Amino acid sequence: MFLTFKKTAEILADILGLDEEEITSDMELTPEFEIEKLHVAKFIIECEKKFKITIHDENVHTFRTVGDIAKYIESRLSEEEGNSSESSEEERMWWYYV
């Protein structure tokens, strides 16, 4: 989960023009944290590209924090891993290095 969060924090920091260290798992995806709907949309699109997954609109509305997105991505990656249980740890973590 740590690597997934680290990569999602990196993506969001890039979109918001912040340092990666400023992004926390409990950071809410709200204007209070200067995160507008357009930022969330860009964030979701970039996560889909980076992790090579699809995040459905009905799921996006359930995300309240950065950690929620990281957990969702981790669960999607685990599902895909279950479909190919023969892969090595390096093969499962390829996205981290991309």
PDB file of N, CA and C in Angstrom:
ATOM      1  N   MET A   1       0.823  -1.200   0.000  1.00  0.00           N
ATOM      2  CA  MET A   1       0.000   0.000   0.000  1.00  0.00           C
ATOM      3  C   MET A   1       0.867   1.264   0.000  1.00  0.00           C
ATOM      4  N   PHE A   2       2.009   1.204   0.693  1.00  0.00           N
ATOM      5  CA  PHE A   2       2.875   2.378   0.775  1.00  0.00           C
ATOM      6  C   PHE A   2       3.313   2.862  -0.603  1.00  0.00           C
ATOM      7  N   LEU A   3       3.733   1.946  -1.452  1.00  0.00           N
ATOM      8  CA  LEU A   3       4.196   2.349  -2.782  1.00  0.00           C
ATOM      9  C   LEU A   3       3.066   2.938  -3.607  1.00  0.00           C
ATOM     10  N   THR A   4       1.868   2.383  -3.469  1.00  0.00           N
ATOM     11  CA  THR A   4       0.714   2.913  -4.193  1.00  0.00           C
ATOM     12  C   THR A   4       0.419   4.327  -3.723  1.00  0.00           C
ATOM     13  N   PHE A   5       0.397   4.538  -2.407  1.00  0.00           N
ATOM     14  CA  PHE A   5       0.145   5.886  -1.897  1.00  0.00           C
ATOM     15  C   PHE A   5       1.242   6.845  -2.343  1.00  0.00           C
ATOM     16  N   LYS A   6       2.481   6.424  -2.268  1.00  0.00           N
ATOM     17  CA  LYS A   6       3.603   7.287  -2.664  1.00  0.00           C
ATOM     18  C   LYS A   6       3.441   7.749  -4.106  1.00  0.00           C
ATOM     19  N   LYS A   7       3.065   6.836  -4.973  1.00  0.00           N
ATOM     20  CA  LYS A   7       2.910   7.178  -6.385  1.00  0.00           C
ATOM     21  C   LYS A   7       1.682   8.081  -6.593  1.00  0.00           C
ATOM     22  N   THR A   8       0.572   7.819  -5.900  1.00  0.00           N
ATOM     23  CA  THR A   8      -0.606   8.685  -6.036  1.00  0.00           C
ATOM     24  C   THR A   8      -0.308  10.078  -5.486  1.00  0.00           C
ATOM     25  N   ALA A   9       0.433  10.154  -4.381  1.00  0.00           N
ATOM     26  CA  ALA A   9       0.804  11.453  -3.814  1.00  0.00           C
ATOM     27  C   ALA A   9       1.673  12.234  -4.794  1.00  0.00           C
ATOM     28  N   GLU A  10       2.558  11.537  -5.454  1.00  0.00           N
ATOM     29  CA  GLU A  10       3.424  12.152  -6.451  1.00  0.00           C
ATOM     30  C   GLU A  10       2.598  12.743  -7.602  1.00  0.00           C
ATOM     31  N   ILE A  11       1.611  11.995  -8.046  1.00  0.00           N
ATOM     32  CA  ILE A  11       0.743  12.447  -9.140  1.00  0.00           C
ATOM     33  C   ILE A  11      -0.030  13.691  -8.725  1.00  0.00           C
ATOM     34  N   LEU A  12      -0.661  13.637  -7.537  1.00  0.00           N
ATOM     35  CA  LEU A  12      -1.462  14.770  -7.079  1.00  0.00           C
ATOM     36  C   LEU A  12      -0.589  15.994  -6.816  1.00  0.00           C
ATOM     37  N   ALA A  13       0.578  15.798  -6.243  1.00  0.00           N
ATOM     38  CA  ALA A  13       1.487  16.915  -5.982  1.00  0.00           C
ATOM     39  C   ALA A  13       1.857  17.617  -7.282  1.00  0.00           C
ATOM     40  N   ASP A  14       2.087  16.837  -8.330  1.00  0.00           N
ATOM     41  CA  ASP A  14       2.420  17.400  -9.628  1.00  0.00           C
ATOM     42  C   ASP A  14       1.260  18.237 -10.166  1.00  0.00           C
ATOM     43  N   ILE A  15       0.048  17.732 -10.019  1.00  0.00           N
ATOM     44  CA  ILE A  15      -1.139  18.452 -10.505  1.00  0.00           C
ATOM     45  C   ILE A  15      -1.352  19.752  -9.731  1.00  0.00           C
ATOM     46  N   LEU A  16      -1.153  19.696  -8.422  1.00  0.00           N
ATOM     47  CA  LEU A  16      -1.409  20.863  -7.572  1.00  0.00           C
ATOM     48  C   LEU A  16      -0.208  21.806  -7.450  1.00  0.00           C
ATOM     49  N   GLY A  17       0.952  21.365  -7.947  1.00  0.00           N
ATOM     50  CA  GLY A  17       2.149  22.183  -7.822  1.00  0.00           C
ATOM     51  C   GLY A  17       2.684  22.226  -6.398  1.00  0.00           C
ATOM     52  N   LEU A  18       2.539  21.118  -5.679  1.00  0.00           N
ATOM     53  CA  LEU A  18       3.008  21.007  -4.297  1.00  0.00           C
ATOM     54  C   LEU A  18       4.173  20.044  -4.210  1.00  0.00           C
ATOM     55  N   ASP A  19       4.816  20.018  -3.044  1.00  0.00           N
ATOM     56  CA  ASP A  19       5.810  18.991  -2.773  1.00  0.00           C
ATOM     57  C   ASP A  19       5.078  17.718  -2.384  1.00  0.00           C
ATOM     58  N   GLU A  20       5.617  16.595  -2.782  1.00  0.00           N
ATOM     59  CA  GLU A  20       5.009  15.295  -2.491  1.00  0.00           C
ATOM     60  C   GLU A  20       4.772  15.100  -0.991  1.00  0.00           C
ATOM     61  N   GLU A  21       5.664  15.631  -0.158  1.00  0.00           N
ATOM     62  CA  GLU A  21       5.557  15.478   1.285  1.00  0.00           C
ATOM     63  C   GLU A  21       4.341  16.197   1.867  1.00  0.00           C
ATOM     64  N   GLU A  22       3.791  17.148   1.127  1.00  0.00           N
ATOM     65  CA  GLU A  22       2.620  17.893   1.596  1.00  0.00           C
ATOM     66  C   GLU A  22       1.322  17.092   1.449  1.00  0.00           C
ATOM     67  N   ILE A  23       1.366  16.020   0.678  1.00  0.00           N
ATOM     68  CA  ILE A  23       0.183  15.194   0.444  1.00  0.00           C
ATOM     69  C   ILE A  23       0.133  14.106   1.512  1.00  0.00           C
ATOM     70  N   THR A  24      -0.993  14.032   2.216  1.00  0.00           N
ATOM     71  CA  THR A  24      -1.173  13.003   3.235  1.00  0.00           C
ATOM     72  C   THR A  24      -2.333  12.107   2.838  1.00  0.00           C
ATOM     73  N   SER A  25      -2.385  10.920   3.420  1.00  0.00           N
ATOM     74  CA  SER A  25      -3.454   9.986   3.065  1.00  0.00           C
ATOM     75  C   SER A  25      -4.820  10.489   3.514  1.00  0.00           C
ATOM     76  N   ASP A  26      -4.865  11.315   4.551  1.00  0.00           N
ATOM     77  CA  ASP A  26      -6.164  11.818   5.023  1.00  0.00           C
ATOM     78  C   ASP A  26      -6.516  13.188   4.438  1.00  0.00           C
ATOM     79  N   MET A  27      -5.727  13.656   3.457  1.00  0.00           N
ATOM     80  CA  MET A  27      -6.041  14.916   2.783  1.00  0.00           C
ATOM     81  C   MET A  27      -7.338  14.744   2.001  1.00  0.00           C
ATOM     82  N   GLU A  28      -8.301  15.591   2.320  1.00  0.00           N
ATOM     83  CA  GLU A  28      -9.603  15.500   1.661  1.00  0.00           C
ATOM     84  C   GLU A  28      -9.560  16.131   0.279  1.00  0.00           C
ATOM     85  N   LEU A  29     -10.322  15.550  -0.610  1.00  0.00           N
ATOM     86  CA  LEU A  29     -10.393  16.030  -1.992  1.00  0.00           C
ATOM     87  C   LEU A  29     -11.468  17.117  -2.093  1.00  0.00           C
ATOM     88  N   THR A  30     -11.223  18.237  -1.418  1.00  0.00           N
ATOM     89  CA  THR A  30     -12.204  19.315  -1.335  1.00  0.00           C
ATOM     90  C   THR A  30     -11.539  20.662  -1.594  1.00  0.00           C
ATOM     91  N   PRO A  31     -12.351  21.668  -1.922  1.00  0.00           N
ATOM     92  CA  PRO A  31     -11.807  23.015  -2.113  1.00  0.00           C
ATOM     93  C   PRO A  31     -11.116  23.554  -0.860  1.00  0.00           C
ATOM     94  N   GLU A  32     -11.504  23.063   0.314  1.00  0.00           N
ATOM     95  CA  GLU A  32     -10.859  23.478   1.557  1.00  0.00           C
ATOM     96  C   GLU A  32      -9.347  23.217   1.503  1.00  0.00           C
ATOM     97  N   PHE A  33      -8.962  22.154   0.799  1.00  0.00           N
ATOM     98  CA  PHE A  33      -7.556  21.811   0.619  1.00  0.00           C
ATOM     99  C   PHE A  33      -7.058  22.275  -0.755  1.00  0.00           C
ATOM    100  N   GLU A  34      -7.803  23.207  -1.345  1.00  0.00           N
ATOM    101  CA  GLU A  34      -7.488  23.769  -2.660  1.00  0.00           C
ATOM    102  C   GLU A  34      -7.460  22.717  -3.757  1.00  0.00           C
ATOM    103  N   ILE A  35      -8.340  21.723  -3.624  1.00  0.00           N
ATOM    104  CA  ILE A  35      -8.476  20.681  -4.638  1.00  0.00           C
ATOM    105  C   ILE A  35      -9.871  20.827  -5.250  1.00  0.00           C
ATOM    106  N   GLU A  36      -9.901  21.307  -6.460  1.00  0.00           N
ATOM    107  CA  GLU A  36     -11.164  21.526  -7.173  1.00  0.00           C
ATOM    108  C   GLU A  36     -11.547  20.263  -7.951  1.00  0.00           C
ATOM    109  N   LYS A  37     -12.769  20.251  -8.460  1.00  0.00           N
ATOM    110  CA  LYS A  37     -13.250  19.095  -9.224  1.00  0.00           C
ATOM    111  C   LYS A  37     -12.358  18.806 -10.433  1.00  0.00           C
ATOM    112  N   LEU A  38     -11.864  19.834 -11.073  1.00  0.00           N
ATOM    113  CA  LEU A  38     -10.979  19.653 -12.231  1.00  0.00           C
ATOM    114  C   LEU A  38      -9.683  18.947 -11.814  1.00  0.00           C
ATOM    115  N   HIS A  39      -9.163  19.296 -10.645  1.00  0.00           N
ATOM    116  CA  HIS A  39      -7.963  18.625 -10.129  1.00  0.00           C
ATOM    117  C   HIS A  39      -8.231  17.141  -9.892  1.00  0.00           C
ATOM    118  N   VAL A  40      -9.402  16.850  -9.317  1.00  0.00           N
ATOM    119  CA  VAL A  40      -9.762  15.446  -9.046  1.00  0.00           C
ATOM    120  C   VAL A  40      -9.860  14.684 -10.359  1.00  0.00           C
ATOM    121  N   ALA A  41     -10.492  15.292 -11.364  1.00  0.00           N
ATOM    122  CA  ALA A  41     -10.626  14.634 -12.670  1.00  0.00           C
ATOM    123  C   ALA A  41      -9.250  14.344 -13.274  1.00  0.00           C
ATOM    124  N   LYS A  42      -8.357  15.318 -13.240  1.00  0.00           N
ATOM    125  CA  LYS A  42      -6.991  15.111 -13.758  1.00  0.00           C
ATOM    126  C   LYS A  42      -6.276  14.028 -12.962  1.00  0.00           C
ATOM    127  N   PHE A  43      -6.457  14.052 -11.648  1.00  0.00           N
ATOM    128  CA  PHE A  43      -5.832  13.080 -10.754  1.00  0.00           C
ATOM    129  C   PHE A  43      -6.279  11.661 -11.098  1.00  0.00           C
ATOM    130  N   ILE A  44      -7.571  11.477 -11.292  1.00  0.00           N
ATOM    131  CA  ILE A  44      -8.114  10.157 -11.634  1.00  0.00           C
ATOM    132  C   ILE A  44      -7.559   9.695 -12.981  1.00  0.00           C
ATOM    133  N   ILE A  45      -7.558  10.575 -13.959  1.00  0.00           N
ATOM    134  CA  ILE A  45      -7.055  10.222 -15.293  1.00  0.00           C
ATOM    135  C   ILE A  45      -5.584   9.822 -15.232  1.00  0.00           C
ATOM    136  N   GLU A  46      -4.788  10.587 -14.508  1.00  0.00           N
ATOM    137  CA  GLU A  46      -3.360  10.274 -14.402  1.00  0.00           C
ATOM    138  C   GLU A  46      -3.128   8.968 -13.643  1.00  0.00           C
ATOM    139  N   CYS A  47      -3.936   8.702 -12.626  1.00  0.00           N
ATOM    140  CA  CYS A  47      -3.827   7.427 -11.893  1.00  0.00           C
ATOM    141  C   CYS A  47      -4.178   6.260 -12.814  1.00  0.00           C
ATOM    142  N   GLU A  48      -5.224   6.435 -13.615  1.00  0.00           N
ATOM    143  CA  GLU A  48      -5.597   5.375 -14.559  1.00  0.00           C
ATOM    144  C   GLU A  48      -4.456   5.081 -15.523  1.00  0.00           C
ATOM    145  N   LYS A  49      -3.821   6.130 -16.017  1.00  0.00           N
ATOM    146  CA  LYS A  49      -2.705   5.941 -16.947  1.00  0.00           C
ATOM    147  C   LYS A  49      -1.524   5.274 -16.253  1.00  0.00           C
ATOM    148  N   LYS A  50      -1.165   5.776 -15.082  1.00  0.00           N
ATOM    149  CA  LYS A  50       0.020   5.295 -14.380  1.00  0.00           C
ATOM    150  C   LYS A  50      -0.116   3.828 -13.962  1.00  0.00           C
ATOM    151  N   PHE A  51      -1.287   3.468 -13.432  1.00  0.00           N
ATOM    152  CA  PHE A  51      -1.491   2.118 -12.900  1.00  0.00           C
ATOM    153  C   PHE A  51      -2.138   1.176 -13.906  1.00  0.00           C
ATOM    154  N   LYS A  52      -2.487   1.731 -15.084  1.00  0.00           N
ATOM    155  CA  LYS A  52      -3.116   0.948 -16.155  1.00  0.00           C
ATOM    156  C   LYS A  52      -4.365   0.217 -15.657  1.00  0.00           C
ATOM    157  N   ILE A  53      -5.249   1.011 -15.037  1.00  0.00           N
ATOM    158  CA  ILE A  53      -6.529   0.493 -14.560  1.00  0.00           C
ATOM    159  C   ILE A  53      -7.623   1.456 -15.011  1.00  0.00           C
ATOM    160  N   THR A  54      -8.868   1.032 -14.856  1.00  0.00           N
ATOM    161  CA  THR A  54     -10.008   1.903 -15.106  1.00  0.00           C
ATOM    162  C   THR A  54     -10.670   2.200 -13.772  1.00  0.00           C
ATOM    163  N   ILE A  55     -10.918   3.472 -13.520  1.00  0.00           N
ATOM    164  CA  ILE A  55     -11.633   3.884 -12.320  1.00  0.00           C
ATOM    165  C   ILE A  55     -12.986   4.390 -12.795  1.00  0.00           C
ATOM    166  N   HIS A  56     -14.033   3.664 -12.471  1.00  0.00           N
ATOM    167  CA  HIS A  56     -15.378   3.995 -12.943  1.00  0.00           C
ATOM    168  C   HIS A  56     -15.946   5.203 -12.203  1.00  0.00           C
ATOM    169  N   ASP A  57     -16.753   5.982 -12.923  1.00  0.00           N
ATOM    170  CA  ASP A  57     -17.337   7.195 -12.356  1.00  0.00           C
ATOM    171  C   ASP A  57     -18.086   6.935 -11.052  1.00  0.00           C
ATOM    172  N   GLU A  58     -18.806   5.823 -10.981  1.00  0.00           N
ATOM    173  CA  GLU A  58     -19.568   5.549  -9.762  1.00  0.00           C
ATOM    174  C   GLU A  58     -18.651   5.337  -8.560  1.00  0.00           C
ATOM    175  N   ASN A  59     -17.407   4.951  -8.789  1.00  0.00           N
ATOM    176  CA  ASN A  59     -16.445   4.797  -7.699  1.00  0.00           C
ATOM    177  C   ASN A  59     -15.804   6.128  -7.320  1.00  0.00           C
ATOM    178  N   VAL A  60     -15.604   6.991  -8.299  1.00  0.00           N
ATOM    179  CA  VAL A  60     -14.970   8.282  -8.041  1.00  0.00           C
ATOM    180  C   VAL A  60     -15.750   9.061  -6.990  1.00  0.00           C
ATOM    181  N   HIS A  61     -17.054   8.983  -7.027  1.00  0.00           N
ATOM    182  CA  HIS A  61     -17.888   9.745  -6.100  1.00  0.00           C
ATOM    183  C   HIS A  61     -17.778   9.244  -4.663  1.00  0.00           C
ATOM    184  N   THR A  62     -17.197   8.079  -4.459  1.00  0.00           N
ATOM    185  CA  THR A  62     -17.034   7.547  -3.097  1.00  0.00           C
ATOM    186  C   THR A  62     -15.710   7.960  -2.471  1.00  0.00           C
ATOM    187  N   PHE A  63     -14.797   8.511  -3.253  1.00  0.00           N
ATOM    188  CA  PHE A  63     -13.494   8.903  -2.733  1.00  0.00           C
ATOM    189  C   PHE A  63     -13.603  10.224  -1.982  1.00  0.00           C
ATOM    190  N   ARG A  64     -13.178  10.221  -0.728  1.00  0.00           N
ATOM    191  CA  ARG A  64     -13.191  11.442   0.082  1.00  0.00           C
ATOM    192  C   ARG A  64     -11.770  11.954   0.328  1.00  0.00           C
ATOM    193  N   THR A  65     -10.808  11.032   0.353  1.00  0.00           N
ATOM    194  CA  THR A  65      -9.429  11.398   0.656  1.00  0.00           C
ATOM    195  C   THR A  65      -8.476  10.789  -0.367  1.00  0.00           C
ATOM    196  N   VAL A  66      -7.242  11.249  -0.330  1.00  0.00           N
ATOM    197  CA  VAL A  66      -6.203  10.689  -1.188  1.00  0.00           C
ATOM    198  C   VAL A  66      -6.007   9.217  -0.836  1.00  0.00           C
ATOM    199  N   GLY A  67      -6.085   8.898   0.443  1.00  0.00           N
ATOM    200  CA  GLY A  67      -5.950   7.516   0.892  1.00  0.00           C
ATOM    201  C   GLY A  67      -7.029   6.608   0.322  1.00  0.00           C
ATOM    202  N   ASP A  68      -8.248   7.138   0.158  1.00  0.00           N
ATOM    203  CA  ASP A  68      -9.336   6.344  -0.438  1.00  0.00           C
ATOM    204  C   ASP A  68      -8.965   5.910  -1.849  1.00  0.00           C
ATOM    205  N   ILE A  69      -8.381   6.813  -2.609  1.00  0.00           N
ATOM    206  CA  ILE A  69      -7.990   6.489  -3.974  1.00  0.00           C
ATOM    207  C   ILE A  69      -6.860   5.463  -3.981  1.00  0.00           C
ATOM    208  N   ALA A  70      -5.880   5.664  -3.104  1.00  0.00           N
ATOM    209  CA  ALA A  70      -4.759   4.721  -3.028  1.00  0.00           C
ATOM    210  C   ALA A  70      -5.253   3.322  -2.654  1.00  0.00           C
ATOM    211  N   LYS A  71      -6.202   3.237  -1.707  1.00  0.00           N
ATOM    212  CA  LYS A  71      -6.759   1.936  -1.309  1.00  0.00           C
ATOM    213  C   LYS A  71      -7.511   1.290  -2.471  1.00  0.00           C
ATOM    214  N   TYR A  72      -8.273   2.094  -3.190  1.00  0.00           N
ATOM    215  CA  TYR A  72      -9.012   1.573  -4.344  1.00  0.00           C
ATOM    216  C   TYR A  72      -8.047   1.028  -5.394  1.00  0.00           C
ATOM    217  N   ILE A  73      -7.013   1.789  -5.700  1.00  0.00           N
ATOM    218  CA  ILE A  73      -6.027   1.344  -6.692  1.00  0.00           C
ATOM    219  C   ILE A  73      -5.362   0.063  -6.226  1.00  0.00           C
ATOM    220  N   GLU A  74      -4.990   0.017  -4.962  1.00  0.00           N
ATOM    221  CA  GLU A  74      -4.356  -1.182  -4.412  1.00  0.00           C
ATOM    222  C   GLU A  74      -5.272  -2.395  -4.545  1.00  0.00           C
ATOM    223  N   SER A  75      -6.559  -2.206  -4.279  1.00  0.00           N
ATOM    224  CA  SER A  75      -7.496  -3.335  -4.402  1.00  0.00           C
ATOM    225  C   SER A  75      -7.647  -3.771  -5.849  1.00  0.00           C
ATOM    226  N   ARG A  76      -7.657  -2.808  -6.777  1.00  0.00           N
ATOM    227  CA  ARG A  76      -7.738  -3.154  -8.200  1.00  0.00           C
ATOM    228  C   ARG A  76      -6.496  -3.901  -8.648  1.00  0.00           C
ATOM    229  N   LEU A  77      -5.330  -3.459  -8.192  1.00  0.00           N
ATOM    230  CA  LEU A  77      -4.085  -4.135  -8.548  1.00  0.00           C
ATOM    231  C   LEU A  77      -4.048  -5.537  -7.949  1.00  0.00           C
ATOM    232  N   SER A  78      -4.580  -5.693  -6.745  1.00  0.00           N
ATOM    233  CA  SER A  78      -4.641  -7.010  -6.103  1.00  0.00           C
ATOM    234  C   SER A  78      -5.566  -7.947  -6.876  1.00  0.00           C
ATOM    235  N   GLU A  79      -6.689  -7.404  -7.366  1.00  0.00           N
ATOM    236  CA  GLU A  79      -7.614  -8.205  -8.178  1.00  0.00           C
ATOM    237  C   GLU A  79      -6.905  -8.725  -9.419  1.00  0.00           C
ATOM    238  N   GLU A  80      -6.189  -7.831 -10.079  1.00  0.00           N
ATOM    239  CA  GLU A  80      -5.467  -8.227 -11.284  1.00  0.00           C
ATOM    240  C   GLU A  80      -4.360  -9.213 -10.948  1.00  0.00           C
ATOM    241  N   GLU A  81      -3.731  -9.024  -9.800  1.00  0.00           N
ATOM    242  CA  GLU A  81      -2.686  -9.945  -9.355  1.00  0.00           C
ATOM    243  C   GLU A  81      -3.275 -11.333  -9.133  1.00  0.00           C
ATOM    244  N   GLY A  82      -4.473 -11.389  -8.586  1.00  0.00           N
ATOM    245  CA  GLY A  82      -5.151 -12.665  -8.375  1.00  0.00           C
ATOM    246  C   GLY A  82      -5.417 -13.388  -9.683  1.00  0.00           C
ATOM    247  N   ASN A  83      -5.598 -12.615 -10.730  1.00  0.00           N
ATOM    248  CA  ASN A  83      -5.828 -13.203 -12.049  1.00  0.00           C
ATOM    249  C   ASN A  83      -4.544 -13.742 -12.658  1.00  0.00           C
ATOM    250  N   SER A  84      -3.404 -13.276 -12.155  1.00  0.00           N
ATOM    251  CA  SER A  84      -2.125 -13.766 -12.664  1.00  0.00           C
ATOM    252  C   SER A  84      -1.209 -14.060 -11.480  1.00  0.00           C
ATOM    253  N   SER A  85      -1.561 -15.018 -10.681  1.00  0.00           N
ATOM    254  CA  SER A  85      -0.847 -15.311  -9.452  1.00  0.00           C
ATOM    255  C   SER A  85       0.565 -15.836  -9.677  1.00  0.00           C
ATOM    256  N   GLU A  86       0.932 -16.127 -10.892  1.00  0.00           N
ATOM    257  CA  GLU A  86       2.264 -16.639 -11.194  1.00  0.00           C
ATOM    258  C   GLU A  86       3.313 -15.536 -11.278  1.00  0.00           C
ATOM    259  N   SER A  87       2.891 -14.252 -11.308  1.00  0.00           N
ATOM    260  CA  SER A  87       3.847 -13.169 -11.511  1.00  0.00           C
ATOM    261  C   SER A  87       4.697 -12.935 -10.268  1.00  0.00           C
ATOM    262  N   SER A  88       5.910 -12.449 -10.506  1.00  0.00           N
ATOM    263  CA  SER A  88       6.837 -12.158  -9.414  1.00  0.00           C
ATOM    264  C   SER A  88       6.512 -10.795  -8.816  1.00  0.00           C
ATOM    265  N   GLU A  89       7.097 -10.507  -7.669  1.00  0.00           N
ATOM    266  CA  GLU A  89       6.919  -9.201  -7.031  1.00  0.00           C
ATOM    267  C   GLU A  89       7.364  -8.084  -7.960  1.00  0.00           C
ATOM    268  N   GLU A  90       8.475  -8.272  -8.659  1.00  0.00           N
ATOM    269  CA  GLU A  90       8.955  -7.244  -9.592  1.00  0.00           C
ATOM    270  C   GLU A  90       7.953  -6.994 -10.700  1.00  0.00           C
ATOM    271  N   GLU A  91       7.351  -8.026 -11.226  1.00  0.00           N
ATOM    272  CA  GLU A  91       6.370  -7.865 -12.297  1.00  0.00           C
ATOM    273  C   GLU A  91       5.130  -7.148 -11.784  1.00  0.00           C
ATOM    274  N   ARG A  92       4.727  -7.412 -10.544  1.00  0.00           N
ATOM    275  CA  ARG A  92       3.540  -6.764  -9.991  1.00  0.00           C
ATOM    276  C   ARG A  92       3.789  -5.288  -9.696  1.00  0.00           C
ATOM    277  N   MET A  93       5.028  -4.912  -9.476  1.00  0.00           N
ATOM    278  CA  MET A  93       5.347  -3.539  -9.106  1.00  0.00           C
ATOM    279  C   MET A  93       5.910  -2.735 -10.281  1.00  0.00           C
ATOM    280  N   TRP A  94       5.778  -3.206 -11.499  1.00  0.00           N
ATOM    281  CA  TRP A  94       6.336  -2.539 -12.673  1.00  0.00           C
ATOM    282  C   TRP A  94       5.914  -1.083 -12.761  1.00  0.00           C
ATOM    283  N   TRP A  95       4.664  -0.773 -12.391  1.00  0.00           N
ATOM    284  CA  TRP A  95       4.140   0.576 -12.515  1.00  0.00           C
ATOM    285  C   TRP A  95       4.900   1.560 -11.657  1.00  0.00           C
ATOM    286  N   TYR A  96       5.487   1.101 -10.561  1.00  0.00           N
ATOM    287  CA  TYR A  96       6.186   2.016  -9.666  1.00  0.00           C
ATOM    288  C   TYR A  96       7.386   2.650 -10.357  1.00  0.00           C
ATOM    289  N   TYR A  97       8.012   1.917 -11.210  1.00  0.00           N
ATOM    290  CA  TYR A  97       9.230   2.371 -11.854  1.00  0.00           C
ATOM    291  C   TYR A  97       8.993   3.065 -13.185  1.00  0.00           C
ATOM    292  N   VAL A  98       7.744   3.071 -13.638  1.00  0.00           N
ATOM    293  CA  VAL A  98       7.435   3.674 -14.928  1.00  0.00           C
ATOM    294  C   VAL A  98       7.346   5.174 -14.806  1.00  0.00           C
TER     295      VAL A  98
END
